[in-house]
């Protein structure tokens, strides 16, 4: 899909991987609807991106919140062609702690945002995508890109909730691609390794250094524009579908 004049909904679009992807879409001549829970940051990001960006304060796990923002996007830009789901949270707690078992509320919260929130957004965006005129001879009408994590495959100690949520994102990729094939909508998932994002910004060297040590090459954390570059390649390559792609410089996570 050529991104010129196309409209992308990007969750978690105010910062990190989402913002880098939004910048890429705008640089390619597209338009972006930024869905984010942080009102001040999402408005600042939209203002920085200019007239081809619109900010929406959204809780991805809330059906009415996403539905209102999707409707607002269509009202503003006329259509939705791309949906990139970057919104997510992390919480590290062992299954059993010295204070007892992991609170079920915490486990549910991570799944609600990372897994349910991803599905909630993509299903409502897909509903709009099916109305698009085909953009190529294959009949393509839309592209959905979800964000999993290498933790879906190599989850560390304390990552039961996070790993489960991201494994769910990876696991639903092919079934959703099959579901939406008749509508001309492709679905892929990116499973990033450890990236330089706001979530990692405050991590001390004692946390960062062991993570970098597990990376093969290049020996560093990933940069958000590298995620955006892969997202662009998925959007533009019409034969990529139903796939989860690790973007991790060969990292394999140790238990801790």
Foldseek 3Di string as FASTA:
>chain_A
DQLAAAEEEEEVLLWFLNVLLQLVSVVSNHAYEYEYQDVVSQVVSQVVSPDRYHYANAQLLDLVRLLVSLVVSCVRRVAHAEYEYDDADAWFDACADPVGGDPVVVLVVRLSRLANSLVSNVVSNLVRQLPAAAPDPVRARHEYEYEAACCLPQNAGRRPSNNVNRVNVLVCFQVVQVVCVVSRYFGEYEHEYAAPIPVCVPPDCVVQVVSLVQADPPSHHHYSNVSSVVVVVRVPDSPDGSYYHYHYNRGRDDND
